[in-house]
Amino acid sequence: MRPIRNRFPSLVCGLFLSGAACALGATDDDVARPLLMQALENQYHGRYQATLEMVNENFADGKDSLSGWAEFADDVGERKMCLSGSKKAFEYRSLNFGKEQWVTDDNSRRVRRIANRQWKKGVFGNLLTYEDMLKLPADFFLEYSSCKGVKITDSAYQISMTLKPLFQSFYSRIDVTLGKSPVLVKAMTFYGTHGERLKTLEVKCYKEMEGKWLVTDMSVADNDSTASLQMCFKNFSFTESPQAQRERAKNGLSLLAKRPLVVPAASEGAGPDDADVESPEEVSN
């Protein structure tokens, strides 16, 4: 694995100034918010597909390996996933930044719409919820509310952040570890609405794409270490050419302005719960 070169000299300079600002009385929020937004900007957003291998393991049911594909269209807020294994199958689709989510029932093979009030429901136990399906790995930072503490080490930034009190959210706080050069998510520990520790996500490897970074390997483990989920993305293909990406960036389409994670109104998606309708560089953390 080749070492990662420093691609963000301006960011380094900015962080140096942030450190100076801290000495002048800046708050933790003044340090944390720009770092989280930098990590969000460094994450690749575009249109792409990949094969997906997933290993779901828990104490009660043992291990199940699933394989299939995932497809993302970040500009219109669309995510698709189709997986199958020896014990279960899973098909999921999200449209318009989560305003509509659909899942295919494993037993009846009927398509079921996920109401907004069901965002907290588990997809693979509680290792992934429908909220996670929309926001992982870094889109939770769009819901940043305040900082409860910042610690800077030689290799990482450690930030404790609270989330906006949205009625759908399963979480109240996330402890985030960000790597340096580039600033990317290394780990996130999630806490429930009563402060209880729920699970930890680790991003193990990224793939570079046009100066941005795509997650290729990540894992989630619950607080009691009785369940874990490993996800590996491979064989990426991109429907948007590098030239189109450069033109989009040239036109100044800001990530936060273009694709805010707008939370639907409580009335949207309401109804019965079962309303049925028919080789670039890589970096390891």
C-alpha atoms as a PDB file:
ATOM      1  CA  MET A   1       0.000   0.000   0.000  1.00  0.00           C
ATOM      2  CA  ARG A   2       1.566   3.295  -1.044  1.00  0.00           C
ATOM      3  CA  PRO A   3       1.667   6.090   1.534  1.00  0.00           C
ATOM      4  CA  ILE A   4      -0.879   8.845   1.057  1.00  0.00           C
ATOM      5  CA  ARG A   5       0.555  12.157  -0.037  1.00  0.00           C
ATOM      6  CA  ASN A   6      -0.655  15.382   1.512  1.00  0.00           C
ATOM      7  CA  ARG A   7      -3.222  16.598  -1.020  1.00  0.00           C
ATOM      8  CA  PHE A   8      -4.655  19.390   1.095  1.00  0.00           C
ATOM      9  CA  PRO A   9      -1.978  22.031   1.883  1.00  0.00           C
ATOM     10  CA  SER A  10      -4.643  24.698   2.248  1.00  0.00           C
ATOM     11  CA  LEU A  11      -6.460  22.508   4.761  1.00  0.00           C
ATOM     12  CA  VAL A  12      -3.246  22.032   6.734  1.00  0.00           C
ATOM     13  CA  CYS A  13      -2.830  25.776   6.784  1.00  0.00           C
ATOM     14  CA  GLY A  14      -6.441  26.185   7.867  1.00  0.00           C
ATOM     15  CA  LEU A  15      -5.995  23.714  10.697  1.00  0.00           C
ATOM     16  CA  PHE A  16      -2.889  25.566  11.805  1.00  0.00           C
ATOM     17  CA  LEU A  17      -4.917  28.756  11.943  1.00  0.00           C
ATOM     18  CA  SER A  18      -7.668  26.892  13.790  1.00  0.00           C
ATOM     19  CA  GLY A  19      -5.119  25.874  16.386  1.00  0.00           C
ATOM     20  CA  ALA A  20      -4.069  29.474  16.729  1.00  0.00           C
ATOM     21  CA  ALA A  21      -7.710  30.470  17.039  1.00  0.00           C
ATOM     22  CA  CYS A  22      -8.140  27.962  19.870  1.00  0.00           C
ATOM     23  CA  ALA A  23      -5.358  29.728  21.721  1.00  0.00           C
ATOM     24  CA  LEU A  24      -7.316  32.942  21.296  1.00  0.00           C
ATOM     25  CA  GLY A  25     -10.450  31.499  22.849  1.00  0.00           C
ATOM     26  CA  ALA A  26     -12.234  29.737  19.981  1.00  0.00           C
ATOM     27  CA  THR A  27     -14.772  27.120  21.015  1.00  0.00           C
ATOM     28  CA  ASP A  28     -14.697  23.382  20.290  1.00  0.00           C
ATOM     29  CA  ASP A  29     -17.445  24.021  17.762  1.00  0.00           C
ATOM     30  CA  ASP A  30     -15.148  26.364  15.816  1.00  0.00           C
ATOM     31  CA  VAL A  31     -12.688  23.488  15.417  1.00  0.00           C
ATOM     32  CA  ALA A  32     -15.087  20.560  15.007  1.00  0.00           C
ATOM     33  CA  ARG A  33     -17.523  21.900  12.435  1.00  0.00           C
ATOM     34  CA  PRO A  34     -14.942  22.674   9.688  1.00  0.00           C
ATOM     35  CA  LEU A  35     -13.294  19.277  10.180  1.00  0.00           C
ATOM     36  CA  LEU A  36     -16.580  17.394   9.857  1.00  0.00           C
ATOM     37  CA  MET A  37     -17.522  19.378   6.766  1.00  0.00           C
ATOM     38  CA  GLN A  38     -14.086  18.689   5.294  1.00  0.00           C
ATOM     39  CA  ALA A  39     -14.579  14.953   5.834  1.00  0.00           C
ATOM     40  CA  LEU A  40     -17.967  15.216   4.156  1.00  0.00           C
ATOM     41  CA  GLU A  41     -16.510  17.095   1.184  1.00  0.00           C
ATOM     42  CA  ASN A  42     -13.691  14.557   0.846  1.00  0.00           C
ATOM     43  CA  GLN A  43     -16.200  11.728   0.488  1.00  0.00           C
ATOM     44  CA  TYR A  44     -16.919  10.986  -3.172  1.00  0.00           C
ATOM     45  CA  HIS A  45     -20.437  11.873  -4.335  1.00  0.00           C
ATOM     46  CA  GLY A  46     -21.541  10.948  -7.823  1.00  0.00           C
ATOM     47  CA  ARG A  47     -23.135   8.140  -9.823  1.00  0.00           C
ATOM     48  CA  TYR A  48     -21.569   4.719  -9.505  1.00  0.00           C
ATOM     49  CA  GLN A  49     -22.210   1.002  -9.095  1.00  0.00           C
ATOM     50  CA  ALA A  50     -20.289  -1.711  -7.251  1.00  0.00           C
ATOM     51  CA  THR A  51     -20.525  -5.354  -6.329  1.00  0.00           C
ATOM     52  CA  LEU A  52     -21.140  -5.835  -2.620  1.00  0.00           C
ATOM     53  CA  GLU A  53     -20.193  -8.661  -0.297  1.00  0.00           C
ATOM     54  CA  MET A  54     -21.647  -8.672   3.213  1.00  0.00           C
ATOM     55  CA  VAL A  55     -21.061 -10.959   6.192  1.00  0.00           C
ATOM     56  CA  ASN A  56     -23.755 -10.740   8.869  1.00  0.00           C
ATOM     57  CA  GLU A  57     -22.925 -12.576  12.097  1.00  0.00           C
ATOM     58  CA  ASN A  58     -24.680 -12.760  15.466  1.00  0.00           C
ATOM     59  CA  PHE A  59     -24.635 -14.999  18.510  1.00  0.00           C
ATOM     60  CA  ALA A  60     -28.119 -16.444  17.972  1.00  0.00           C
ATOM     61  CA  ASP A  61     -28.135 -17.184  14.230  1.00  0.00           C
ATOM     62  CA  GLY A  62     -24.472 -17.613  13.382  1.00  0.00           C
ATOM     63  CA  LYS A  63     -22.928 -16.294  10.165  1.00  0.00           C
ATOM     64  CA  ASP A  64     -24.620 -15.513   6.870  1.00  0.00           C
ATOM     65  CA  SER A  65     -22.742 -14.344   3.787  1.00  0.00           C
ATOM     66  CA  LEU A  66     -24.622 -12.296   1.222  1.00  0.00           C
ATOM     67  CA  SER A  67     -23.513 -10.962  -2.143  1.00  0.00           C
ATOM     68  CA  GLY A  68     -24.988  -8.725  -4.802  1.00  0.00           C
ATOM     69  CA  TRP A  69     -24.685  -5.148  -5.961  1.00  0.00           C
ATOM     70  CA  ALA A  70     -25.216  -1.544  -4.869  1.00  0.00           C
ATOM     71  CA  GLU A  71     -25.968   1.534  -6.951  1.00  0.00           C
ATOM     72  CA  PHE A  72     -25.745   5.201  -5.970  1.00  0.00           C
ATOM     73  CA  ALA A  73     -26.936   8.397  -7.664  1.00  0.00           C
ATOM     74  CA  ASP A  74     -25.971  11.030  -5.129  1.00  0.00           C
ATOM     75  CA  ASP A  75     -27.069  14.018  -7.194  1.00  0.00           C
ATOM     76  CA  VAL A  76     -30.719  12.922  -6.956  1.00  0.00           C
ATOM     77  CA  GLY A  77     -30.440  11.158  -3.593  1.00  0.00           C
ATOM     78  CA  GLU A  78     -31.002   7.619  -4.862  1.00  0.00           C
ATOM     79  CA  ARG A  79     -29.589   4.416  -3.365  1.00  0.00           C
ATOM     80  CA  LYS A  80     -30.248   0.811  -4.373  1.00  0.00           C
ATOM     81  CA  MET A  81     -29.021  -2.476  -2.930  1.00  0.00           C
ATOM     82  CA  CYS A  82     -29.752  -6.077  -3.841  1.00  0.00           C
ATOM     83  CA  LEU A  83     -28.268  -8.984  -1.819  1.00  0.00           C
ATOM     84  CA  SER A  84     -28.900 -12.682  -1.422  1.00  0.00           C
ATOM     85  CA  GLY A  85     -27.439 -15.504   0.665  1.00  0.00           C
ATOM     86  CA  SER A  86     -28.195 -18.950   2.037  1.00  0.00           C
ATOM     87  CA  LYS A  87     -30.442 -17.645   4.834  1.00  0.00           C
ATOM     88  CA  LYS A  88     -32.057 -14.482   3.467  1.00  0.00           C
ATOM     89  CA  ALA A  89     -32.372 -12.056   0.579  1.00  0.00           C
ATOM     90  CA  PHE A  90     -32.548  -8.277   0.718  1.00  0.00           C
ATOM     91  CA  GLU A  91     -33.620  -5.669  -1.814  1.00  0.00           C
ATOM     92  CA  TYR A  92     -33.741  -1.980  -0.938  1.00  0.00           C
ATOM     93  CA  ARG A  93     -34.326   1.270  -2.791  1.00  0.00           C
ATOM     94  CA  SER A  94     -34.361   4.892  -1.627  1.00  0.00           C
ATOM     95  CA  LEU A  95     -35.527   7.848  -3.718  1.00  0.00           C
ATOM     96  CA  ASN A  96     -35.257  11.625  -3.339  1.00  0.00           C
ATOM     97  CA  PHE A  97     -32.881  11.643  -0.345  1.00  0.00           C
ATOM     98  CA  GLY A  98     -34.985   9.212   1.639  1.00  0.00           C
ATOM     99  CA  LYS A  99     -38.418  10.702   1.102  1.00  0.00           C
ATOM    100  CA  GLU A 100     -39.370   7.305  -0.299  1.00  0.00           C
ATOM    101  CA  GLN A 101     -37.805   4.043   0.856  1.00  0.00           C
ATOM    102  CA  TRP A 102     -38.827   0.606  -0.362  1.00  0.00           C
ATOM    103  CA  VAL A 103     -37.831  -2.893   0.684  1.00  0.00           C
ATOM    104  CA  THR A 104     -38.770  -6.295  -0.751  1.00  0.00           C
ATOM    105  CA  ASP A 105     -40.166  -8.642   1.869  1.00  0.00           C
ATOM    106  CA  ASP A 106     -37.911 -11.662   2.288  1.00  0.00           C
ATOM    107  CA  ASN A 107     -40.752 -14.171   2.567  1.00  0.00           C
ATOM    108  CA  SER A 108     -43.581 -12.946   0.350  1.00  0.00           C
ATOM    109  CA  ARG A 109     -41.369 -11.065  -2.172  1.00  0.00           C
ATOM    110  CA  ARG A 110     -43.814  -8.176  -1.984  1.00  0.00           C
ATOM    111  CA  VAL A 111     -42.511  -4.613  -2.230  1.00  0.00           C
ATOM    112  CA  ARG A 112     -43.176  -2.656   0.958  1.00  0.00           C
ATOM    113  CA  ARG A 113     -42.805   1.068   1.500  1.00  0.00           C
ATOM    114  CA  ILE A 114     -40.977   2.173   4.650  1.00  0.00           C
ATOM    115  CA  ALA A 115     -42.893   4.981   6.354  1.00  0.00           C
ATOM    116  CA  ASN A 116     -40.811   7.876   7.692  1.00  0.00           C
ATOM    117  CA  ARG A 117     -41.661   6.947  11.263  1.00  0.00           C
ATOM    118  CA  GLN A 118     -39.936   3.605  10.647  1.00  0.00           C
ATOM    119  CA  TRP A 119     -36.482   5.099  10.061  1.00  0.00           C
ATOM    120  CA  LYS A 120     -35.420   3.735  13.461  1.00  0.00           C
ATOM    121  CA  LYS A 121     -36.285   0.144  12.558  1.00  0.00           C
ATOM    122  CA  GLY A 122     -33.436  -2.287  12.121  1.00  0.00           C
ATOM    123  CA  VAL A 123     -32.464  -3.693   8.727  1.00  0.00           C
ATOM    124  CA  PHE A 124     -29.875  -6.196   9.967  1.00  0.00           C
ATOM    125  CA  GLY A 125     -30.843  -6.386  13.644  1.00  0.00           C
ATOM    126  CA  ASN A 126     -29.953  -2.960  14.989  1.00  0.00           C
ATOM    127  CA  LEU A 127     -26.578  -2.946  13.261  1.00  0.00           C
ATOM    128  CA  LEU A 128     -28.100  -0.998  10.382  1.00  0.00           C
ATOM    129  CA  THR A 129     -31.314   1.012  10.494  1.00  0.00           C
ATOM    130  CA  TYR A 130     -33.116   2.636   7.574  1.00  0.00           C
ATOM    131  CA  GLU A 131     -31.618   5.902   8.790  1.00  0.00           C
ATOM    132  CA  ASP A 132     -28.150   4.376   8.399  1.00  0.00           C
ATOM    133  CA  MET A 133     -29.000   3.237   4.873  1.00  0.00           C
ATOM    134  CA  LEU A 134     -29.506   6.890   3.936  1.00  0.00           C
ATOM    135  CA  LYS A 135     -26.621   8.522   5.764  1.00  0.00           C
ATOM    136  CA  LEU A 136     -23.625   6.200   6.063  1.00  0.00           C
ATOM    137  CA  PRO A 137     -20.812   6.854   6.173  1.00  0.00           C
ATOM    138  CA  ALA A 138     -20.510  10.636   6.546  1.00  0.00           C
ATOM    139  CA  ASP A 139     -23.919  12.169   5.776  1.00  0.00           C
ATOM    140  CA  PHE A 140     -24.715  12.164   9.490  1.00  0.00           C
ATOM    141  CA  PHE A 141     -22.501  15.253   9.600  1.00  0.00           C
ATOM    142  CA  LEU A 142     -25.262  17.150   7.773  1.00  0.00           C
ATOM    143  CA  GLU A 143     -27.259  16.769  10.995  1.00  0.00           C
ATOM    144  CA  TYR A 144     -24.503  18.272  13.174  1.00  0.00           C
ATOM    145  CA  SER A 145     -25.871  20.297  16.075  1.00  0.00           C
ATOM    146  CA  SER A 146     -23.053  20.975  18.543  1.00  0.00           C
ATOM    147  CA  CYS A 147     -19.699  19.728  19.760  1.00  0.00           C
ATOM    148  CA  LYS A 148     -19.203  18.175  23.196  1.00  0.00           C
ATOM    149  CA  GLY A 149     -15.436  17.912  22.935  1.00  0.00           C
ATOM    150  CA  VAL A 150     -12.437  17.768  20.596  1.00  0.00           C
ATOM    151  CA  LYS A 151      -9.150  15.905  21.038  1.00  0.00           C
ATOM    152  CA  ILE A 152      -6.275  16.103  18.563  1.00  0.00           C
ATOM    153  CA  THR A 153      -3.618  13.386  18.410  1.00  0.00           C
ATOM    154  CA  ASP A 154      -0.684  12.819  16.073  1.00  0.00           C
ATOM    155  CA  SER A 155      -2.812  10.781  13.658  1.00  0.00           C
ATOM    156  CA  ALA A 156      -6.449  11.698  14.243  1.00  0.00           C
ATOM    157  CA  TYR A 157      -9.095  14.163  15.330  1.00  0.00           C
ATOM    158  CA  GLN A 158     -11.573  12.855  17.907  1.00  0.00           C
ATOM    159  CA  ILE A 159     -14.870  14.746  18.008  1.00  0.00           C
ATOM    160  CA  SER A 160     -17.950  14.166  20.135  1.00  0.00           C
ATOM    161  CA  MET A 161     -20.911  15.647  18.264  1.00  0.00           C
ATOM    162  CA  THR A 162     -24.632  15.856  18.997  1.00  0.00           C
ATOM    163  CA  LEU A 163     -27.296  15.597  16.313  1.00  0.00           C
ATOM    164  CA  LYS A 164     -30.227  17.846  15.592  1.00  0.00           C
ATOM    165  CA  PRO A 165     -33.299  16.567  17.489  1.00  0.00           C
ATOM    166  CA  LEU A 166     -35.108  15.125  14.494  1.00  0.00           C
ATOM    167  CA  PHE A 167     -38.072  12.935  15.311  1.00  0.00           C
ATOM    168  CA  GLN A 168     -36.859  10.127  13.061  1.00  0.00           C
ATOM    169  CA  SER A 169     -33.337   9.831  14.431  1.00  0.00           C
ATOM    170  CA  PHE A 170     -32.281   6.751  16.347  1.00  0.00           C
ATOM    171  CA  TYR A 171     -29.279   8.613  17.810  1.00  0.00           C
ATOM    172  CA  SER A 172     -28.494  11.573  20.027  1.00  0.00           C
ATOM    173  CA  ARG A 173     -24.693  11.665  19.827  1.00  0.00           C
ATOM    174  CA  ILE A 174     -21.838  10.307  17.724  1.00  0.00           C
ATOM    175  CA  ASP A 175     -18.178  10.086  18.741  1.00  0.00           C
ATOM    176  CA  VAL A 176     -16.229  10.529  15.504  1.00  0.00           C
ATOM    177  CA  THR A 177     -12.592   9.711  14.774  1.00  0.00           C
ATOM    178  CA  LEU A 178     -11.230  11.440  11.663  1.00  0.00           C
ATOM    179  CA  GLY A 179      -7.922  10.576  10.038  1.00  0.00           C
ATOM    180  CA  LYS A 180      -5.538  13.258   8.813  1.00  0.00           C
ATOM    181  CA  SER A 181      -4.183  13.968   5.310  1.00  0.00           C
ATOM    182  CA  PRO A 182      -6.788  13.483   3.949  1.00  0.00           C
ATOM    183  CA  VAL A 183      -9.452  14.160   6.553  1.00  0.00           C
ATOM    184  CA  LEU A 184     -11.685  11.067   6.380  1.00  0.00           C
ATOM    185  CA  VAL A 185     -13.871   9.049   8.726  1.00  0.00           C
ATOM    186  CA  LYS A 186     -11.991   6.283  10.546  1.00  0.00           C
ATOM    187  CA  ALA A 187     -14.586   5.323  13.154  1.00  0.00           C
ATOM    188  CA  MET A 188     -17.962   6.410  14.544  1.00  0.00           C
ATOM    189  CA  THR A 189     -19.546   5.307  17.831  1.00  0.00           C
ATOM    190  CA  PHE A 190     -23.315   5.832  18.033  1.00  0.00           C
ATOM    191  CA  TYR A 191     -25.309   6.618  21.186  1.00  0.00           C
ATOM    192  CA  GLY A 192     -29.052   6.301  21.708  1.00  0.00           C
ATOM    193  CA  THR A 193     -31.509   8.977  22.742  1.00  0.00           C
ATOM    194  CA  HIS A 194     -30.912   8.159  26.436  1.00  0.00           C
ATOM    195  CA  GLY A 195     -27.124   8.268  26.126  1.00  0.00           C
ATOM    196  CA  GLU A 196     -26.629   4.513  25.860  1.00  0.00           C
ATOM    197  CA  ARG A 197     -23.813   3.256  23.637  1.00  0.00           C
ATOM    198  CA  LEU A 198     -25.256   1.275  20.723  1.00  0.00           C
ATOM    199  CA  LYS A 199     -22.628   0.346  18.143  1.00  0.00           C
ATOM    200  CA  THR A 200     -19.370   1.285  16.484  1.00  0.00           C
ATOM    201  CA  LEU A 201     -18.622   1.628  12.782  1.00  0.00           C
ATOM    202  CA  GLU A 202     -15.068   1.351  11.433  1.00  0.00           C
ATOM    203  CA  VAL A 203     -14.021   2.310   7.912  1.00  0.00           C
ATOM    204  CA  LYS A 204     -11.091   0.096   6.994  1.00  0.00           C
ATOM    205  CA  CYS A 205     -10.243   1.169   3.460  1.00  0.00           C
ATOM    206  CA  TYR A 206     -10.952   3.878   0.889  1.00  0.00           C
ATOM    207  CA  LYS A 207     -10.507   4.108  -2.871  1.00  0.00           C
ATOM    208  CA  GLU A 208      -9.503   7.368  -4.543  1.00  0.00           C
ATOM    209  CA  MET A 209     -11.642   8.758  -7.352  1.00  0.00           C
ATOM    210  CA  GLU A 210     -10.790  12.131  -8.886  1.00  0.00           C
ATOM    211  CA  GLY A 211      -9.376  13.519  -5.649  1.00  0.00           C
ATOM    212  CA  LYS A 212     -12.313  12.254  -3.573  1.00  0.00           C
ATOM    213  CA  TRP A 213     -12.624   9.034  -1.595  1.00  0.00           C
ATOM    214  CA  LEU A 214     -14.999   6.082  -1.727  1.00  0.00           C
ATOM    215  CA  VAL A 215     -15.454   3.598   1.123  1.00  0.00           C
ATOM    216  CA  THR A 216     -14.522   0.067   0.038  1.00  0.00           C
ATOM    217  CA  ASP A 217     -14.475  -1.789   3.380  1.00  0.00           C
ATOM    218  CA  MET A 218     -16.335  -1.062   6.605  1.00  0.00           C
ATOM    219  CA  SER A 219     -17.678  -2.984   9.577  1.00  0.00           C
ATOM    220  CA  VAL A 220     -20.262  -2.415  12.300  1.00  0.00           C
ATOM    221  CA  ALA A 221     -20.317  -4.111  15.713  1.00  0.00           C
ATOM    222  CA  ASP A 222     -22.883  -3.756  18.475  1.00  0.00           C
ATOM    223  CA  ASN A 223     -21.966  -2.596  21.962  1.00  0.00           C
ATOM    224  CA  ASP A 224     -21.990  -6.114  23.443  1.00  0.00           C
ATOM    225  CA  SER A 225     -19.908  -7.597  20.607  1.00  0.00           C
ATOM    226  CA  THR A 226     -22.609 -10.221  20.022  1.00  0.00           C
ATOM    227  CA  ALA A 227     -23.325  -9.099  16.454  1.00  0.00           C
ATOM    228  CA  SER A 228     -21.234  -7.730  13.601  1.00  0.00           C
ATOM    229  CA  LEU A 229     -21.651  -6.761   9.981  1.00  0.00           C
ATOM    230  CA  GLN A 230     -18.876  -6.481   7.401  1.00  0.00           C
ATOM    231  CA  MET A 231     -19.383  -4.764   4.043  1.00  0.00           C
ATOM    232  CA  CYS A 232     -16.958  -4.882   1.118  1.00  0.00           C
ATOM    233  CA  PHE A 233     -17.513  -2.904  -2.112  1.00  0.00           C
ATOM    234  CA  LYS A 234     -15.613  -3.988  -5.244  1.00  0.00           C
ATOM    235  CA  ASN A 235     -15.588  -3.632  -9.038  1.00  0.00           C
ATOM    236  CA  PHE A 236     -16.686  -0.006  -9.177  1.00  0.00           C
ATOM    237  CA  SER A 237     -18.080   1.471 -12.363  1.00  0.00           C
ATOM    238  CA  PHE A 238     -18.981   5.098 -12.938  1.00  0.00           C
ATOM    239  CA  THR A 239     -21.660   6.503 -15.222  1.00  0.00           C
ATOM    240  CA  GLU A 240     -20.431  10.063 -14.861  1.00  0.00           C
ATOM    241  CA  SER A 241     -17.201  10.700 -16.749  1.00  0.00           C
ATOM    242  CA  PRO A 242     -14.250  12.472 -15.081  1.00  0.00           C
ATOM    243  CA  GLN A 243     -14.797  15.363 -17.528  1.00  0.00           C
ATOM    244  CA  ALA A 244     -18.401  15.728 -16.353  1.00  0.00           C
ATOM    245  CA  GLN A 245     -17.206  15.720 -12.762  1.00  0.00           C
ATOM    246  CA  ARG A 246     -14.708  18.503 -13.505  1.00  0.00           C
ATOM    247  CA  GLU A 247     -17.397  20.548 -15.245  1.00  0.00           C
ATOM    248  CA  ARG A 248     -19.737  20.080 -12.308  1.00  0.00           C
ATOM    249  CA  ALA A 249     -17.035  21.222  -9.893  1.00  0.00           C
ATOM    250  CA  LYS A 250     -16.151  24.145 -12.181  1.00  0.00           C
ATOM    251  CA  ASN A 251     -19.744  25.327 -12.134  1.00  0.00           C
ATOM    252  CA  GLY A 252     -19.550  25.620  -8.371  1.00  0.00           C
ATOM    253  CA  LEU A 253     -22.239  23.142  -7.350  1.00  0.00           C
ATOM    254  CA  SER A 254     -21.553  22.945  -3.625  1.00  0.00           C
ATOM    255  CA  LEU A 255     -22.153  19.608  -1.959  1.00  0.00           C
ATOM    256  CA  LEU A 256     -24.146  21.106   0.889  1.00  0.00           C
ATOM    257  CA  ALA A 257     -26.194  23.305  -1.437  1.00  0.00           C
ATOM    258  CA  LYS A 258     -26.802  20.575  -4.012  1.00  0.00           C
ATOM    259  CA  ARG A 259     -27.742  17.647  -1.796  1.00  0.00           C
ATOM    260  CA  PRO A 260     -28.906  18.643   1.681  1.00  0.00           C
ATOM    261  CA  LEU A 261     -30.387  15.723   3.569  1.00  0.00           C
ATOM    262  CA  VAL A 262     -33.866  17.162   3.895  1.00  0.00           C
ATOM    263  CA  VAL A 263     -35.952  15.341   6.462  1.00  0.00           C
ATOM    264  CA  PRO A 264     -39.488  14.751   5.198  1.00  0.00           C
ATOM    265  CA  ALA A 265     -42.461  16.072   7.119  1.00  0.00           C
ATOM    266  CA  ALA A 266     -43.995  13.685   9.619  1.00  0.00           C
ATOM    267  CA  SER A 267     -47.082  13.245   7.475  1.00  0.00           C
ATOM    268  CA  GLU A 268     -45.162  12.069   4.416  1.00  0.00           C
ATOM    269  CA  GLY A 269     -44.942   8.343   3.972  1.00  0.00           C
ATOM    270  CA  ALA A 270     -47.563   7.790   6.653  1.00  0.00           C
ATOM    271  CA  GLY A 271     -50.006   4.986   6.342  1.00  0.00           C
ATOM    272  CA  PRO A 272     -50.080   1.311   7.202  1.00  0.00           C
ATOM    273  CA  ASP A 273     -46.648  -0.123   7.911  1.00  0.00           C
ATOM    274  CA  ASP A 274     -47.175  -2.853   5.345  1.00  0.00           C
ATOM    275  CA  ALA A 275     -48.723  -0.871   2.500  1.00  0.00           C
ATOM    276  CA  ASP A 276     -47.765  -3.144  -0.400  1.00  0.00           C
ATOM    277  CA  VAL A 277     -47.057  -2.194  -3.996  1.00  0.00           C
ATOM    278  CA  GLU A 278     -46.258  -4.513  -6.762  1.00  0.00           C
ATOM    279  CA  SER A 279      -7.006   0.976  -9.834  1.00  0.00           C
ATOM    280  CA  PRO A 280      -6.517   4.236  -8.241  1.00  0.00           C
ATOM    281  CA  GLU A 281      -4.800   4.626  -4.881  1.00  0.00           C
ATOM    282  CA  GLU A 282      -6.341   3.168  -1.752  1.00  0.00           C
ATOM    283  CA  VAL A 283      -5.923   4.209   1.835  1.00  0.00           C
ATOM    284  CA  SER A 284      -6.380   1.944   4.838  1.00  0.00           C
ATOM    285  CA  ASN A 285      -7.359   3.231   8.246  1.00  0.00           C
END
